[in-house]
Amino acid sequence: MELTNMLNKVILIGHLGANPESKTMPSGGEVVNFRMATSESYIDKATNKKVDKTEWHSIVVFNPHLAKVALQYLSKGRFDIVSKNTIKSIC
Protein backbone atom coordinates (compact mmCIF):
# COMPACT_ATOMS: atom_id res chain seq x y z
CA MET A 1 0.00 0.00 0.00
CA GLU A 2 1.40 3.40 -1.00
CA LEU A 3 1.05 6.46 1.22
CA THR A 4 0.63 9.77 -0.57
CA ASN A 5 0.44 13.10 1.23
CA MET A 6 -0.38 16.39 -0.41
CA LEU A 7 -0.50 19.94 0.91
CA ASN A 8 -1.34 22.95 -1.25
CA LYS A 9 -1.55 26.56 -0.14
CA VAL A 10 -2.93 29.26 -2.40
CA ILE A 11 -2.94 32.96 -1.57
CA LEU A 12 -4.63 35.39 -3.95
CA ILE A 13 -4.31 39.15 -3.53
CA GLY A 14 -6.50 41.17 -5.85
CA HIS A 15 -9.75 42.96 -6.59
CA LEU A 16 -13.24 41.49 -6.69
CA GLY A 17 -14.91 41.76 -10.10
CA ALA A 18 -18.48 41.64 -8.74
CA ASN A 19 -20.33 41.25 -5.48
CA PRO A 20 -20.38 37.67 -4.13
CA GLU A 21 -23.44 35.60 -5.07
CA SER A 22 -25.12 33.08 -2.79
CA LYS A 23 -26.71 29.89 -4.12
CA THR A 24 -28.52 27.06 -2.36
CA MET A 25 -27.43 23.53 -3.30
CA PRO A 26 -29.99 20.70 -3.70
CA SER A 27 -28.83 19.39 -0.31
CA GLY A 28 -29.89 22.70 1.26
CA GLY A 29 -26.35 23.93 1.90
CA GLU A 30 -25.31 27.40 0.82
CA VAL A 31 -22.34 28.21 -1.40
CA VAL A 32 -20.95 31.64 -2.23
CA ASN A 33 -19.28 32.40 -5.57
CA PHE A 34 -17.15 35.36 -6.58
CA ARG A 35 -14.40 36.25 -9.03
CA MET A 36 -11.12 37.90 -8.16
CA ALA A 37 -8.63 39.57 -10.50
CA THR A 38 -4.91 39.32 -9.78
CA SER A 39 -2.46 41.46 -11.71
CA GLU A 40 1.24 41.57 -12.40
CA SER A 41 3.40 43.80 -14.55
CA TYR A 42 6.82 43.40 -16.09
CA ILE A 43 9.11 45.04 -18.64
CA ASP A 44 9.17 43.32 -22.04
CA LYS A 45 12.87 42.96 -22.88
CA ALA A 46 12.22 43.08 -26.63
CA THR A 47 10.29 46.37 -26.57
CA ASN A 48 11.47 47.76 -23.21
CA LYS A 49 7.82 48.60 -22.43
CA LYS A 50 5.75 47.80 -19.37
CA VAL A 51 3.27 44.95 -19.84
CA ASP A 52 0.30 44.49 -17.49
CA LYS A 53 -1.22 41.02 -17.13
CA THR A 54 -4.50 40.26 -15.33
CA GLU A 55 -5.82 36.80 -14.46
CA TRP A 56 -9.34 36.04 -13.22
CA HIS A 57 -9.98 33.39 -10.54
CA SER A 58 -13.37 31.82 -9.78
CA ILE A 59 -13.75 31.18 -6.06
CA VAL A 60 -16.40 28.98 -4.43
CA VAL A 61 -16.90 29.06 -0.64
CA PHE A 62 -18.52 25.92 0.83
CA ASN A 63 -17.77 26.56 4.52
CA PRO A 64 -21.00 28.04 6.02
CA HIS A 65 -19.16 30.43 8.36
CA LEU A 66 -16.83 31.71 5.63
CA ALA A 67 -19.77 32.04 3.22
CA LYS A 68 -21.49 34.42 5.67
CA VAL A 69 -18.27 36.42 6.09
CA ALA A 70 -17.82 36.67 2.31
CA LEU A 71 -21.39 37.94 1.82
CA GLN A 72 -21.08 40.43 4.67
CA TYR A 73 -17.68 41.95 3.93
CA LEU A 74 -16.72 41.40 0.28
CA SER A 75 -17.90 43.71 -2.49
CA LYS A 76 -17.09 44.62 -6.09
CA GLY A 77 -13.81 46.49 -6.53
CA ARG A 78 -12.62 45.76 -3.00
CA PHE A 79 -8.94 44.80 -2.62
CA ASP A 80 -8.72 41.56 -0.61
CA ILE A 81 -6.68 38.51 0.22
CA VAL A 82 -8.04 34.98 -0.20
CA SER A 83 -6.17 32.04 1.32
CA LYS A 84 -6.88 28.33 0.86
CA ASN A 85 -5.29 25.21 2.31
CA THR A 86 -5.86 21.79 0.78
CA ILE A 87 -4.64 18.78 2.70
CA LYS A 88 -5.10 15.29 1.31
CA SER A 89 -3.83 11.96 2.58
CA ILE A 90 -4.31 8.77 0.60
CA CYS A 91 -3.29 5.36 1.97
PDB file of N, CA and C in Angstrom:
ATOM      1  N   MET A   1       0.848  -1.173   0.000  1.00  0.00           N
ATOM      2  CA  MET A   1       0.000   0.000   0.000  1.00  0.00           C
ATOM      3  C   MET A   1       0.896   1.241   0.000  1.00  0.00           C
ATOM      4  N   GLU A   2       0.596   2.184  -0.877  1.00  0.00           N
ATOM      5  CA  GLU A   2       1.404   3.397  -1.001  1.00  0.00           C
ATOM      6  C   GLU A   2       0.745   4.546  -0.240  1.00  0.00           C
ATOM      7  N   LEU A   3       1.542   5.297   0.472  1.00  0.00           N
ATOM      8  CA  LEU A   3       1.048   6.456   1.216  1.00  0.00           C
ATOM      9  C   LEU A   3       1.410   7.718   0.449  1.00  0.00           C
ATOM     10  N   THR A   4       0.407   8.516   0.143  1.00  0.00           N
ATOM     11  CA  THR A   4       0.625   9.773  -0.569  1.00  0.00           C
ATOM     12  C   THR A   4       0.073  10.909   0.274  1.00  0.00           C
ATOM     13  N   ASN A   5       0.875  11.907   0.510  1.00  0.00           N
ATOM     14  CA  ASN A   5       0.436  13.098   1.231  1.00  0.00           C
ATOM     15  C   ASN A   5       0.532  14.291   0.301  1.00  0.00           C
ATOM     16  N   MET A   6      -0.390  15.212   0.432  1.00  0.00           N
ATOM     17  CA  MET A   6      -0.381  16.389  -0.413  1.00  0.00           C
ATOM     18  C   MET A   6      -0.820  17.590   0.418  1.00  0.00           C
ATOM     19  N   LEU A   7      -0.134  18.699   0.254  1.00  0.00           N
ATOM     20  CA  LEU A   7      -0.503  19.944   0.913  1.00  0.00           C
ATOM     21  C   LEU A   7      -0.335  21.064  -0.097  1.00  0.00           C
ATOM     22  N   ASN A   8      -1.388  21.788  -0.353  1.00  0.00           N
ATOM     23  CA  ASN A   8      -1.344  22.945  -1.249  1.00  0.00           C
ATOM     24  C   ASN A   8      -1.782  24.175  -0.480  1.00  0.00           C
ATOM     25  N   LYS A   9      -1.138  25.293  -0.733  1.00  0.00           N
ATOM     26  CA  LYS A   9      -1.550  26.562  -0.137  1.00  0.00           C
ATOM     27  C   LYS A   9      -1.607  27.577  -1.259  1.00  0.00           C
ATOM     28  N   VAL A  10      -2.738  28.237  -1.378  1.00  0.00           N
ATOM     29  CA  VAL A  10      -2.933  29.255  -2.403  1.00  0.00           C
ATOM     30  C   VAL A  10      -3.287  30.560  -1.708  1.00  0.00           C
ATOM     31  N   ILE A  11      -2.611  31.631  -2.084  1.00  0.00           N
ATOM     32  CA  ILE A  11      -2.936  32.960  -1.567  1.00  0.00           C
ATOM     33  C   ILE A  11      -3.134  33.871  -2.770  1.00  0.00           C
ATOM     34  N   LEU A  12      -4.321  34.451  -2.881  1.00  0.00           N
ATOM     35  CA  LEU A  12      -4.626  35.392  -3.953  1.00  0.00           C
ATOM     36  C   LEU A  12      -4.797  36.777  -3.349  1.00  0.00           C
ATOM     37  N   ILE A  13      -4.170  37.760  -3.955  1.00  0.00           N
ATOM     38  CA  ILE A  13      -4.310  39.146  -3.528  1.00  0.00           C
ATOM     39  C   ILE A  13      -4.768  39.923  -4.746  1.00  0.00           C
ATOM     40  N   GLY A  14      -5.971  40.476  -4.678  1.00  0.00           N
ATOM     41  CA  GLY A  14      -6.496  41.166  -5.850  1.00  0.00           C
ATOM     42  C   GLY A  14      -7.804  41.872  -5.571  1.00  0.00           C
ATOM     43  N   HIS A  15      -8.492  42.224  -6.657  1.00  0.00           N
ATOM     44  CA  HIS A  15      -9.750  42.960  -6.586  1.00  0.00           C
ATOM     45  C   HIS A  15     -10.912  42.068  -7.003  1.00  0.00           C
ATOM     46  N   LEU A  16     -12.049  42.230  -6.328  1.00  0.00           N
ATOM     47  CA  LEU A  16     -13.245  41.487  -6.688  1.00  0.00           C
ATOM     48  C   LEU A  16     -13.891  42.121  -7.917  1.00  0.00           C
ATOM     49  N   GLY A  17     -14.305  41.266  -8.872  1.00  0.00           N
ATOM     50  CA  GLY A  17     -14.911  41.759 -10.103  1.00  0.00           C
ATOM     51  C   GLY A  17     -16.395  42.033  -9.962  1.00  0.00           C
ATOM     52  N   ALA A  18     -17.045  41.450  -8.973  1.00  0.00           N
ATOM     53  CA  ALA A  18     -18.480  41.638  -8.742  1.00  0.00           C
ATOM     54  C   ALA A  18     -18.769  41.264  -7.293  1.00  0.00           C
ATOM     55  N   ASN A  19     -19.935  41.636  -6.829  1.00  0.00           N
ATOM     56  CA  ASN A  19     -20.333  41.247  -5.478  1.00  0.00           C
ATOM     57  C   ASN A  19     -20.491  39.725  -5.409  1.00  0.00           C
ATOM     58  N   PRO A  20     -20.186  39.109  -4.275  1.00  0.00           N
ATOM     59  CA  PRO A  20     -20.378  37.666  -4.128  1.00  0.00           C
ATOM     60  C   PRO A  20     -21.849  37.293  -4.313  1.00  0.00           C
ATOM     61  N   GLU A  21     -22.075  36.101  -4.870  1.00  0.00           N
ATOM     62  CA  GLU A  21     -23.436  35.600  -5.068  1.00  0.00           C
ATOM     63  C   GLU A  21     -23.630  34.334  -4.252  1.00  0.00           C
ATOM     64  N   SER A  22     -24.785  34.241  -3.614  1.00  0.00           N
ATOM     65  CA  SER A  22     -25.120  33.081  -2.793  1.00  0.00           C
ATOM     66  C   SER A  22     -26.075  32.177  -3.564  1.00  0.00           C
ATOM     67  N   LYS A  23     -25.824  30.865  -3.493  1.00  0.00           N
ATOM     68  CA  LYS A  23     -26.711  29.891  -4.124  1.00  0.00           C
ATOM     69  C   LYS A  23     -26.963  28.761  -3.142  1.00  0.00           C
ATOM     70  N   THR A  24     -28.170  28.190  -3.212  1.00  0.00           N
ATOM     71  CA  THR A  24     -28.516  27.059  -2.365  1.00  0.00           C
ATOM     72  C   THR A  24     -28.371  25.775  -3.178  1.00  0.00           C
ATOM     73  N   MET A  25     -27.636  24.825  -2.637  1.00  0.00           N
ATOM     74  CA  MET A  25     -27.431  23.535  -3.299  1.00  0.00           C
ATOM     75  C   MET A  25     -28.660  22.654  -3.077  1.00  0.00           C
ATOM     76  N   PRO A  26     -28.850  21.615  -3.897  1.00  0.00           N
ATOM     77  CA  PRO A  26     -29.987  20.699  -3.705  1.00  0.00           C
ATOM     78  C   PRO A  26     -30.035  20.096  -2.301  1.00  0.00           C
ATOM     79  N   SER A  27     -28.876  19.951  -1.668  1.00  0.00           N
ATOM     80  CA  SER A  27     -28.826  19.392  -0.309  1.00  0.00           C
ATOM     81  C   SER A  27     -29.292  20.394   0.744  1.00  0.00           C
ATOM     82  N   GLY A  28     -29.471  21.659   0.329  1.00  0.00           N
ATOM     83  CA  GLY A  28     -29.890  22.700   1.264  1.00  0.00           C
ATOM     84  C   GLY A  28     -28.748  23.562   1.749  1.00  0.00           C
ATOM     85  N   GLY A  29     -27.519  23.140   1.506  1.00  0.00           N
ATOM     86  CA  GLY A  29     -26.350  23.927   1.901  1.00  0.00           C
ATOM     87  C   GLY A  29     -26.189  25.153   1.018  1.00  0.00           C
ATOM     88  N   GLU A  30     -25.524  26.149   1.554  1.00  0.00           N
ATOM     89  CA  GLU A  30     -25.308  27.397   0.823  1.00  0.00           C
ATOM     90  C   GLU A  30     -23.861  27.474   0.347  1.00  0.00           C
ATOM     91  N   VAL A  31     -23.674  27.940  -0.888  1.00  0.00           N
ATOM     92  CA  VAL A  31     -22.341  28.214  -1.404  1.00  0.00           C
ATOM     93  C   VAL A  31     -22.306  29.659  -1.871  1.00  0.00           C
ATOM     94  N   VAL A  32     -21.135  30.261  -1.785  1.00  0.00           N
ATOM     95  CA  VAL A  32     -20.950  31.640  -2.235  1.00  0.00           C
ATOM     96  C   VAL A  32     -19.888  31.629  -3.328  1.00  0.00           C
ATOM     97  N   ASN A  33     -20.189  32.303  -4.433  1.00  0.00           N
ATOM     98  CA  ASN A  33     -19.277  32.396  -5.572  1.00  0.00           C
ATOM     99  C   ASN A  33     -18.868  33.841  -5.787  1.00  0.00           C
ATOM    100  N   PHE A  34     -17.597  34.042  -6.134  1.00  0.00           N
ATOM    101  CA  PHE A  34     -17.149  35.363  -6.577  1.00  0.00           C
ATOM    102  C   PHE A  34     -15.901  35.207  -7.423  1.00  0.00           C
ATOM    103  N   ARG A  35     -15.582  36.257  -8.173  1.00  0.00           N
ATOM    104  CA  ARG A  35     -14.398  36.248  -9.030  1.00  0.00           C
ATOM    105  C   ARG A  35     -13.436  37.320  -8.564  1.00  0.00           C
ATOM    106  N   MET A  36     -12.157  36.977  -8.595  1.00  0.00           N
ATOM    107  CA  MET A  36     -11.116  37.900  -8.161  1.00  0.00           C
ATOM    108  C   MET A  36     -10.083  38.047  -9.272  1.00  0.00           C
ATOM    109  N   ALA A  37      -9.669  39.288  -9.516  1.00  0.00           N
ATOM    110  CA  ALA A  37      -8.628  39.571 -10.502  1.00  0.00           C
ATOM    111  C   ALA A  37      -7.301  39.780  -9.787  1.00  0.00           C
ATOM    112  N   THR A  38      -6.272  39.080 -10.258  1.00  0.00           N
ATOM    113  CA  THR A  38      -4.914  39.321  -9.777  1.00  0.00           C
ATOM    114  C   THR A  38      -4.114  39.877 -10.947  1.00  0.00           C
ATOM    115  N   SER A  39      -3.217  40.788 -10.650  1.00  0.00           N
ATOM    116  CA  SER A  39      -2.462  41.459 -11.711  1.00  0.00           C
ATOM    117  C   SER A  39      -0.970  41.419 -11.431  1.00  0.00           C
ATOM    118  N   GLU A  40      -0.207  41.436 -12.502  1.00  0.00           N
ATOM    119  CA  GLU A  40       1.242  41.574 -12.403  1.00  0.00           C
ATOM    120  C   GLU A  40       1.698  42.415 -13.581  1.00  0.00           C
ATOM    121  N   SER A  41       2.842  43.035 -13.436  1.00  0.00           N
ATOM    122  CA  SER A  41       3.401  43.803 -14.547  1.00  0.00           C
ATOM    123  C   SER A  41       4.895  43.514 -14.636  1.00  0.00           C
ATOM    124  N   TYR A  42       5.399  43.647 -15.848  1.00  0.00           N
ATOM    125  CA  TYR A  42       6.819  43.404 -16.093  1.00  0.00           C
ATOM    126  C   TYR A  42       7.256  44.217 -17.305  1.00  0.00           C
ATOM    127  N   ILE A  43       8.551  44.326 -17.494  1.00  0.00           N
ATOM    128  CA  ILE A  43       9.109  45.040 -18.642  1.00  0.00           C
ATOM    129  C   ILE A  43       9.453  44.012 -19.722  1.00  0.00           C
ATOM    130  N   ASP A  44       8.868  44.179 -20.896  1.00  0.00           N
ATOM    131  CA  ASP A  44       9.173  43.317 -22.038  1.00  0.00           C
ATOM    132  C   ASP A  44      10.571  43.668 -22.539  1.00  0.00           C
ATOM    133  N   LYS A  45      11.477  42.694 -22.494  1.00  0.00           N
ATOM    134  CA  LYS A  45      12.867  42.962 -22.876  1.00  0.00           C
ATOM    135  C   LYS A  45      13.006  43.318 -24.353  1.00  0.00           C
ATOM    136  N   ALA A  46      12.124  42.803 -25.198  1.00  0.00           N
ATOM    137  CA  ALA A  46      12.215  43.079 -26.634  1.00  0.00           C
ATOM    138  C   ALA A  46      11.819  44.512 -26.964  1.00  0.00           C
ATOM    139  N   THR A  47      10.789  45.023 -26.264  1.00  0.00           N
ATOM    140  CA  THR A  47      10.290  46.374 -26.565  1.00  0.00           C
ATOM    141  C   THR A  47      10.672  47.392 -25.506  1.00  0.00           C
ATOM    142  N   ASN A  48      11.142  46.908 -24.352  1.00  0.00           N
ATOM    143  CA  ASN A  48      11.471  47.760 -23.206  1.00  0.00           C
ATOM    144  C   ASN A  48      10.251  48.545 -22.704  1.00  0.00           C
ATOM    145  N   LYS A  49       9.059  47.955 -22.885  1.00  0.00           N
ATOM    146  CA  LYS A  49       7.821  48.598 -22.432  1.00  0.00           C
ATOM    147  C   LYS A  49       7.182  47.766 -21.324  1.00  0.00           C
ATOM    148  N   LYS A  50       6.450  48.460 -20.469  1.00  0.00           N
ATOM    149  CA  LYS A  50       5.746  47.803 -19.368  1.00  0.00           C
ATOM    150  C   LYS A  50       4.545  47.030 -19.918  1.00  0.00           C
ATOM    151  N   VAL A  51       4.389  45.793 -19.455  1.00  0.00           N
ATOM    152  CA  VAL A  51       3.267  44.947 -19.842  1.00  0.00           C
ATOM    153  C   VAL A  51       2.482  44.606 -18.582  1.00  0.00           C
ATOM    154  N   ASP A  52       1.171  44.845 -18.614  1.00  0.00           N
ATOM    155  CA  ASP A  52       0.295  44.492 -17.493  1.00  0.00           C
ATOM    156  C   ASP A  52      -0.469  43.224 -17.851  1.00  0.00           C
ATOM    157  N   LYS A  53      -0.531  42.293 -16.912  1.00  0.00           N
ATOM    158  CA  LYS A  53      -1.219  41.024 -17.133  1.00  0.00           C
ATOM    159  C   LYS A  53      -2.205  40.798 -15.992  1.00  0.00           C
ATOM    160  N   THR A  54      -3.460  40.518 -16.329  1.00  0.00           N
ATOM    161  CA  THR A  54      -4.498  40.259 -15.332  1.00  0.00           C
ATOM    162  C   THR A  54      -5.050  38.855 -15.529  1.00  0.00           C
ATOM    163  N   GLU A  55      -5.201  38.125 -14.429  1.00  0.00           N
ATOM    164  CA  GLU A  55      -5.818  36.798 -14.458  1.00  0.00           C
ATOM    165  C   GLU A  55      -7.045  36.816 -13.558  1.00  0.00           C
ATOM    166  N   TRP A  56      -8.106  36.134 -13.993  1.00  0.00           N
ATOM    167  CA  TRP A  56      -9.338  36.037 -13.217  1.00  0.00           C
ATOM    168  C   TRP A  56      -9.439  34.656 -12.583  1.00  0.00           C
ATOM    169  N   HIS A  57      -9.847  34.623 -11.311  1.00  0.00           N
ATOM    170  CA  HIS A  57      -9.976  33.388 -10.543  1.00  0.00           C
ATOM    171  C   HIS A  57     -11.413  33.259 -10.048  1.00  0.00           C
ATOM    172  N   SER A  58     -12.028  32.106 -10.298  1.00  0.00           N
ATOM    173  CA  SER A  58     -13.370  31.821  -9.781  1.00  0.00           C
ATOM    174  C   SER A  58     -13.218  31.135  -8.432  1.00  0.00           C
ATOM    175  N   ILE A  59     -13.885  31.684  -7.428  1.00  0.00           N
ATOM    176  CA  ILE A  59     -13.751  31.180  -6.060  1.00  0.00           C
ATOM    177  C   ILE A  59     -15.120  30.732  -5.565  1.00  0.00           C
ATOM    178  N   VAL A  60     -15.168  29.530  -4.984  1.00  0.00           N
ATOM    179  CA  VAL A  60     -16.402  28.980  -4.426  1.00  0.00           C
ATOM    180  C   VAL A  60     -16.156  28.700  -2.950  1.00  0.00           C
ATOM    181  N   VAL A  61     -17.025  29.231  -2.092  1.00  0.00           N
ATOM    182  CA  VAL A  61     -16.899  29.060  -0.639  1.00  0.00           C
ATOM    183  C   VAL A  61     -17.985  28.094  -0.175  1.00  0.00           C
ATOM    184  N   PHE A  62     -17.576  26.928   0.338  1.00  0.00           N
ATOM    185  CA  PHE A  62     -18.519  25.925   0.827  1.00  0.00           C
ATOM    186  C   PHE A  62     -18.707  25.997   2.341  1.00  0.00           C
ATOM    187  N   ASN A  63     -17.703  26.473   3.066  1.00  0.00           N
ATOM    188  CA  ASN A  63     -17.769  26.556   4.524  1.00  0.00           C
ATOM    189  C   ASN A  63     -18.856  27.557   4.917  1.00  0.00           C
ATOM    190  N   PRO A  64     -19.883  27.145   5.688  1.00  0.00           N
ATOM    191  CA  PRO A  64     -21.001  28.039   6.019  1.00  0.00           C
ATOM    192  C   PRO A  64     -20.568  29.328   6.724  1.00  0.00           C
ATOM    193  N   HIS A  65     -19.622  29.233   7.645  1.00  0.00           N
ATOM    194  CA  HIS A  65     -19.161  30.429   8.361  1.00  0.00           C
ATOM    195  C   HIS A  65     -18.456  31.390   7.402  1.00  0.00           C
ATOM    196  N   LEU A  66     -17.554  30.857   6.572  1.00  0.00           N
ATOM    197  CA  LEU A  66     -16.830  31.710   5.631  1.00  0.00           C
ATOM    198  C   LEU A  66     -17.752  32.281   4.558  1.00  0.00           C
ATOM    199  N   ALA A  67     -18.795  31.532   4.195  1.00  0.00           N
ATOM    200  CA  ALA A  67     -19.768  32.038   3.218  1.00  0.00           C
ATOM    201  C   ALA A  67     -20.467  33.283   3.761  1.00  0.00           C
ATOM    202  N   LYS A  68     -20.854  33.249   5.046  1.00  0.00           N
ATOM    203  CA  LYS A  68     -21.490  34.420   5.669  1.00  0.00           C
ATOM    204  C   LYS A  68     -20.536  35.608   5.704  1.00  0.00           C
ATOM    205  N   VAL A  69     -19.280  35.351   6.043  1.00  0.00           N
ATOM    206  CA  VAL A  69     -18.273  36.419   6.092  1.00  0.00           C
ATOM    207  C   VAL A  69     -18.089  37.029   4.704  1.00  0.00           C
ATOM    208  N   ALA A  70     -18.000  36.177   3.682  1.00  0.00           N
ATOM    209  CA  ALA A  70     -17.824  36.671   2.311  1.00  0.00           C
ATOM    210  C   ALA A  70     -18.989  37.563   1.902  1.00  0.00           C
ATOM    211  N   LEU A  71     -20.213  37.137   2.187  1.00  0.00           N
ATOM    212  CA  LEU A  71     -21.387  37.935   1.820  1.00  0.00           C
ATOM    213  C   LEU A  71     -21.439  39.252   2.585  1.00  0.00           C
ATOM    214  N   GLN A  72     -21.005  39.233   3.834  1.00  0.00           N
ATOM    215  CA  GLN A  72     -21.083  40.431   4.669  1.00  0.00           C
ATOM    216  C   GLN A  72     -20.005  41.459   4.334  1.00  0.00           C
ATOM    217  N   TYR A  73     -18.796  41.012   4.030  1.00  0.00           N
ATOM    218  CA  TYR A  73     -17.679  41.948   3.930  1.00  0.00           C
ATOM    219  C   TYR A  73     -17.100  42.167   2.532  1.00  0.00           C
ATOM    220  N   LEU A  74     -17.307  41.243   1.609  1.00  0.00           N
ATOM    221  CA  LEU A  74     -16.716  41.395   0.282  1.00  0.00           C
ATOM    222  C   LEU A  74     -17.658  42.136  -0.655  1.00  0.00           C
ATOM    223  N   SER A  75     -17.094  42.976  -1.512  1.00  0.00           N
ATOM    224  CA  SER A  75     -17.901  43.706  -2.491  1.00  0.00           C
ATOM    225  C   SER A  75     -17.059  44.042  -3.716  1.00  0.00           C
ATOM    226  N   LYS A  76     -17.746  44.324  -4.812  1.00  0.00           N
ATOM    227  CA  LYS A  76     -17.095  44.622  -6.091  1.00  0.00           C
ATOM    228  C   LYS A  76     -16.047  45.725  -5.933  1.00  0.00           C
ATOM    229  N   GLY A  77     -14.877  45.503  -6.532  1.00  0.00           N
ATOM    230  CA  GLY A  77     -13.812  46.493  -6.526  1.00  0.00           C
ATOM    231  C   GLY A  77     -12.933  46.475  -5.292  1.00  0.00           C
ATOM    232  N   ARG A  78     -13.376  45.802  -4.254  1.00  0.00           N
ATOM    233  CA  ARG A  78     -12.623  45.765  -3.004  1.00  0.00           C
ATOM    234  C   ARG A  78     -11.321  44.988  -3.192  1.00  0.00           C
ATOM    235  N   PHE A  79     -10.257  45.452  -2.571  1.00  0.00           N
ATOM    236  CA  PHE A  79      -8.943  44.798  -2.618  1.00  0.00           C
ATOM    237  C   PHE A  79      -8.855  43.854  -1.434  1.00  0.00           C
ATOM    238  N   ASP A  80      -8.695  42.555  -1.688  1.00  0.00           N
ATOM    239  CA  ASP A  80      -8.723  41.565  -0.613  1.00  0.00           C
ATOM    240  C   ASP A  80      -7.689  40.474  -0.811  1.00  0.00           C
ATOM    241  N   ILE A  81      -7.555  39.672   0.230  1.00  0.00           N
ATOM    242  CA  ILE A  81      -6.675  38.508   0.219  1.00  0.00           C
ATOM    243  C   ILE A  81      -7.537  37.271   0.459  1.00  0.00           C
ATOM    244  N   VAL A  82      -7.344  36.248  -0.365  1.00  0.00           N
ATOM    245  CA  VAL A  82      -8.039  34.976  -0.196  1.00  0.00           C
ATOM    246  C   VAL A  82      -6.974  33.906  -0.007  1.00  0.00           C
ATOM    247  N   SER A  83      -7.139  33.092   1.032  1.00  0.00           N
ATOM    248  CA  SER A  83      -6.168  32.038   1.321  1.00  0.00           C
ATOM    249  C   SER A  83      -6.892  30.706   1.391  1.00  0.00           C
ATOM    250  N   LYS A  84      -6.261  29.648   0.867  1.00  0.00           N
ATOM    251  CA  LYS A  84      -6.881  28.328   0.855  1.00  0.00           C
ATOM    252  C   LYS A  84      -5.835  27.269   1.135  1.00  0.00           C
ATOM    253  N   ASN A  85      -6.137  26.382   2.050  1.00  0.00           N
ATOM    254  CA  ASN A  85      -5.293  25.211   2.313  1.00  0.00           C
ATOM    255  C   ASN A  85      -6.024  23.970   1.821  1.00  0.00           C
ATOM    256  N   THR A  86      -5.320  23.082   1.169  1.00  0.00           N
ATOM    257  CA  THR A  86      -5.862  21.789   0.778  1.00  0.00           C
ATOM    258  C   THR A  86      -4.923  20.729   1.320  1.00  0.00           C
ATOM    259  N   ILE A  87      -5.456  19.859   2.135  1.00  0.00           N
ATOM    260  CA  ILE A  87      -4.643  18.785   2.696  1.00  0.00           C
ATOM    261  C   ILE A  87      -5.309  17.467   2.316  1.00  0.00           C
ATOM    262  N   LYS A  88      -4.538  16.557   1.770  1.00  0.00           N
ATOM    263  CA  LYS A  88      -5.101  15.295   1.310  1.00  0.00           C
ATOM    264  C   LYS A  88      -4.141  14.165   1.658  1.00  0.00           C
ATOM    265  N   SER A  89      -4.641  13.144   2.291  1.00  0.00           N
ATOM    266  CA  SER A  89      -3.834  11.957   2.578  1.00  0.00           C
ATOM    267  C   SER A  89      -4.520  10.751   1.963  1.00  0.00           C
ATOM    268  N   ILE A  90      -3.768   9.972   1.217  1.00  0.00           N
ATOM    269  CA  ILE A  90      -4.310   8.768   0.602  1.00  0.00           C
ATOM    270  C   ILE A  90      -3.437   7.598   1.030  1.00  0.00           C
ATOM    271  N   CYS A  91      -4.052   6.554   1.572  1.00  0.00           N
ATOM    272  CA  CYS A  91      -3.294   5.358   1.973  1.00  0.00           C
ATOM    273  C   CYS A  91      -3.543   4.244   0.992  1.00  0.00           C
TER     274      CYS A  91
END
